[in-house]
Amino acid sequence: MRYKLKVLCIFIAITICAVAMNAVAASNDKGSNELGQKVFQANCTACHDKGENTIEPTKTLKSNALKENGFNGVADIKKRVQEGKSVMPVFSDRLKVEEIEAVAAYVWAESQKDWK
């Protein structure tokens, strides 16, 4: 009987920890998404409002266009934000690492919803 009670207590403790960790992760994701959106609005909307591209209309931030242009995830977007290319400026000199990570994650997440 004591063994079963001990196992039950351990199971309950593990479940509580898992739920708590999930809540923390969701909270962090929300904070990162808010930071990403803020950074995007402050630095990107001039050319990429609603995921469009006012400079090169075929290179939008929509899912299909990103994939057609070799962007397969957050890491690819992060690299472009950091290094720039062609008319896209370098942002590594004006954004913090966490801002670049947040905006890249935000752009990827929005692209998966086609910015709707």
C-alpha atoms as a PDB file:
ATOM      1  CA  MET A   1       0.000   0.000   0.000  1.00  0.00           C
ATOM      2  CA  ARG A   2       2.818   2.425   0.898  1.00  0.00           C
ATOM      3  CA  TYR A   3       4.570   1.674  -2.395  1.00  0.00           C
ATOM      4  CA  LYS A   4       1.432   2.514  -4.389  1.00  0.00           C
ATOM      5  CA  LEU A   5       0.991   5.745  -2.420  1.00  0.00           C
ATOM      6  CA  LYS A   6       4.627   6.698  -3.034  1.00  0.00           C
ATOM      7  CA  VAL A   7       4.264   6.023  -6.783  1.00  0.00           C
ATOM      8  CA  LEU A   8       1.052   8.057  -6.867  1.00  0.00           C
ATOM      9  CA  CYS A   9       2.739  10.995  -5.105  1.00  0.00           C
ATOM     10  CA  ILE A  10       5.655  10.893  -7.528  1.00  0.00           C
ATOM     11  CA  PHE A  11       3.264  10.787 -10.479  1.00  0.00           C
ATOM     12  CA  ILE A  12       1.316  13.776  -9.125  1.00  0.00           C
ATOM     13  CA  ALA A  13       4.533  15.742  -8.533  1.00  0.00           C
ATOM     14  CA  ILE A  14       5.773  15.053 -12.068  1.00  0.00           C
ATOM     15  CA  THR A  15       2.399  16.071 -13.516  1.00  0.00           C
ATOM     16  CA  ILE A  16       2.395  19.338 -11.554  1.00  0.00           C
ATOM     17  CA  CYS A  17       5.944  20.117 -12.730  1.00  0.00           C
ATOM     18  CA  ALA A  18       5.031  19.392 -16.347  1.00  0.00           C
ATOM     19  CA  VAL A  19       1.982  21.663 -16.173  1.00  0.00           C
ATOM     20  CA  ALA A  20       4.029  24.439 -14.559  1.00  0.00           C
ATOM     21  CA  MET A  21       6.785  24.144 -17.182  1.00  0.00           C
ATOM     22  CA  ASN A  22       4.188  24.293 -19.950  1.00  0.00           C
ATOM     23  CA  ALA A  23       2.711  27.469 -18.455  1.00  0.00           C
ATOM     24  CA  VAL A  24       6.148  29.103 -18.248  1.00  0.00           C
ATOM     25  CA  ALA A  25       6.957  28.137 -21.841  1.00  0.00           C
ATOM     26  CA  ALA A  26       3.635  29.526 -23.074  1.00  0.00           C
ATOM     27  CA  SER A  27       4.260  32.751 -21.170  1.00  0.00           C
ATOM     28  CA  ASN A  28       7.759  33.066 -22.683  1.00  0.00           C
ATOM     29  CA  ASP A  29       6.391  32.401 -26.185  1.00  0.00           C
ATOM     30  CA  LYS A  30       3.796  35.131 -25.723  1.00  0.00           C
ATOM     31  CA  GLY A  31       6.437  37.593 -24.534  1.00  0.00           C
ATOM     32  CA  SER A  32       8.714  36.720 -27.434  1.00  0.00           C
ATOM     33  CA  ASN A  33       5.834  37.062 -29.895  1.00  0.00           C
ATOM     34  CA  GLU A  34       4.972  40.487 -28.478  1.00  0.00           C
ATOM     35  CA  LEU A  35       8.614  41.580 -28.738  1.00  0.00           C
ATOM     36  CA  GLY A  36       8.802  40.224 -32.294  1.00  0.00           C
ATOM     37  CA  GLN A  37       5.686  42.101 -33.292  1.00  0.00           C
ATOM     38  CA  LYS A  38       6.993  45.307 -31.710  1.00  0.00           C
ATOM     39  CA  VAL A  39      10.362  45.000 -33.476  1.00  0.00           C
ATOM     40  CA  PHE A  40       8.637  44.206 -36.775  1.00  0.00           C
ATOM     41  CA  GLN A  41       6.345  47.218 -36.520  1.00  0.00           C
ATOM     42  CA  ALA A  42       9.226  49.526 -35.668  1.00  0.00           C
ATOM     43  CA  ASN A  43      11.704  48.276 -38.273  1.00  0.00           C
ATOM     44  CA  CYS A  44      10.034  46.262 -41.024  1.00  0.00           C
ATOM     45  CA  THR A  45       6.583  47.583 -41.887  1.00  0.00           C
ATOM     46  CA  ALA A  46       7.909  50.282 -44.204  1.00  0.00           C
ATOM     47  CA  CYS A  47       8.729  47.520 -46.706  1.00  0.00           C
ATOM     48  CA  HIS A  48       6.887  44.484 -45.328  1.00  0.00           C
ATOM     49  CA  ASP A  49       3.521  45.685 -44.023  1.00  0.00           C
ATOM     50  CA  LYS A  50       1.195  42.680 -43.597  1.00  0.00           C
ATOM     51  CA  GLY A  51       3.908  40.399 -44.965  1.00  0.00           C
ATOM     52  CA  GLU A  52       4.063  42.102 -48.354  1.00  0.00           C
ATOM     53  CA  ASN A  53       7.180  43.500 -50.030  1.00  0.00           C
ATOM     54  CA  THR A  54       6.896  47.001 -51.477  1.00  0.00           C
ATOM     55  CA  ILE A  55      10.388  46.862 -53.026  1.00  0.00           C
ATOM     56  CA  GLU A  56      10.348  43.380 -54.599  1.00  0.00           C
ATOM     57  CA  PRO A  57       6.688  42.278 -54.800  1.00  0.00           C
ATOM     58  CA  THR A  58       7.505  38.632 -55.569  1.00  0.00           C
ATOM     59  CA  LYS A  59       9.584  38.298 -52.393  1.00  0.00           C
ATOM     60  CA  THR A  60       6.871  38.613 -49.770  1.00  0.00           C
ATOM     61  CA  LEU A  61       6.955  37.184 -46.273  1.00  0.00           C
ATOM     62  CA  LYS A  62       4.128  34.782 -47.086  1.00  0.00           C
ATOM     63  CA  SER A  63       4.795  31.075 -46.574  1.00  0.00           C
ATOM     64  CA  ASN A  64       4.935  30.020 -50.225  1.00  0.00           C
ATOM     65  CA  ALA A  65       7.157  32.944 -51.260  1.00  0.00           C
ATOM     66  CA  LEU A  66       9.547  32.362 -48.367  1.00  0.00           C
ATOM     67  CA  LYS A  67       9.932  28.703 -49.293  1.00  0.00           C
ATOM     68  CA  GLU A  68      10.359  29.536 -52.991  1.00  0.00           C
ATOM     69  CA  ASN A  69      13.176  31.898 -51.990  1.00  0.00           C
ATOM     70  CA  GLY A  70      14.996  29.352 -49.821  1.00  0.00           C
ATOM     71  CA  PHE A  71      13.642  30.250 -46.385  1.00  0.00           C
ATOM     72  CA  ASN A  72      12.783  27.063 -44.518  1.00  0.00           C
ATOM     73  CA  GLY A  73      12.463  28.297 -40.957  1.00  0.00           C
ATOM     74  CA  VAL A  74      13.303  30.828 -38.305  1.00  0.00           C
ATOM     75  CA  ALA A  75      17.066  30.343 -38.705  1.00  0.00           C
ATOM     76  CA  ASP A  76      16.949  31.437 -42.359  1.00  0.00           C
ATOM     77  CA  ILE A  77      14.959  34.563 -41.516  1.00  0.00           C
ATOM     78  CA  LYS A  78      17.254  35.343 -38.594  1.00  0.00           C
ATOM     79  CA  LYS A  79      20.281  35.148 -40.893  1.00  0.00           C
ATOM     80  CA  ARG A  80      18.699  37.549 -43.409  1.00  0.00           C
ATOM     81  CA  VAL A  81      17.782  40.018 -40.662  1.00  0.00           C
ATOM     82  CA  GLN A  82      21.327  39.851 -39.281  1.00  0.00           C
ATOM     83  CA  GLU A  83      23.190  40.039 -42.582  1.00  0.00           C
ATOM     84  CA  GLY A  84      20.785  41.730 -44.990  1.00  0.00           C
ATOM     85  CA  LYS A  85      21.066  41.198 -48.743  1.00  0.00           C
ATOM     86  CA  SER A  86      20.582  43.369 -51.806  1.00  0.00           C
ATOM     87  CA  VAL A  87      18.227  46.185 -50.734  1.00  0.00           C
ATOM     88  CA  MET A  88      17.495  44.550 -47.362  1.00  0.00           C
ATOM     89  CA  PRO A  89      19.657  46.338 -44.798  1.00  0.00           C
ATOM     90  CA  VAL A  90      21.791  44.708 -42.117  1.00  0.00           C
ATOM     91  CA  PHE A  91      20.050  44.828 -38.748  1.00  0.00           C
ATOM     92  CA  SER A  92      22.699  43.182 -36.562  1.00  0.00           C
ATOM     93  CA  ASP A  93      24.183  46.595 -35.886  1.00  0.00           C
ATOM     94  CA  ARG A  94      20.922  48.115 -34.626  1.00  0.00           C
ATOM     95  CA  LEU A  95      18.970  45.269 -33.034  1.00  0.00           C
ATOM     96  CA  LYS A  96      19.868  43.139 -30.027  1.00  0.00           C
ATOM     97  CA  VAL A  97      20.254  39.387 -30.487  1.00  0.00           C
ATOM     98  CA  GLU A  98      16.989  38.712 -28.638  1.00  0.00           C
ATOM     99  CA  GLU A  99      15.173  41.238 -30.850  1.00  0.00           C
ATOM    100  CA  ILE A 100      16.466  39.540 -33.997  1.00  0.00           C
ATOM    101  CA  GLU A 101      15.447  36.133 -32.657  1.00  0.00           C
ATOM    102  CA  ALA A 102      12.012  37.444 -31.678  1.00  0.00           C
ATOM    103  CA  VAL A 103      11.328  39.177 -35.002  1.00  0.00           C
ATOM    104  CA  ALA A 104      12.492  36.121 -36.970  1.00  0.00           C
ATOM    105  CA  ALA A 105      10.169  33.881 -34.944  1.00  0.00           C
ATOM    106  CA  TYR A 106       7.333  36.394 -35.366  1.00  0.00           C
ATOM    107  CA  VAL A 107       7.802  36.574 -39.154  1.00  0.00           C
ATOM    108  CA  TRP A 108       7.900  32.779 -39.467  1.00  0.00           C
ATOM    109  CA  ALA A 109       4.796  32.351 -37.300  1.00  0.00           C
ATOM    110  CA  GLU A 110       2.879  34.985 -39.256  1.00  0.00           C
ATOM    111  CA  SER A 111       3.991  33.498 -42.572  1.00  0.00           C
ATOM    112  CA  GLN A 112       2.479  30.162 -41.573  1.00  0.00           C
ATOM    113  CA  LYS A 113      -0.869  31.963 -41.241  1.00  0.00           C
ATOM    114  CA  ASP A 114      -0.232  34.022 -44.414  1.00  0.00           C
ATOM    115  CA  TRP A 115      -0.406  37.098 -42.175  1.00  0.00           C
ATOM    116  CA  LYS A 116      -4.136  36.676 -41.475  1.00  0.00           C
END
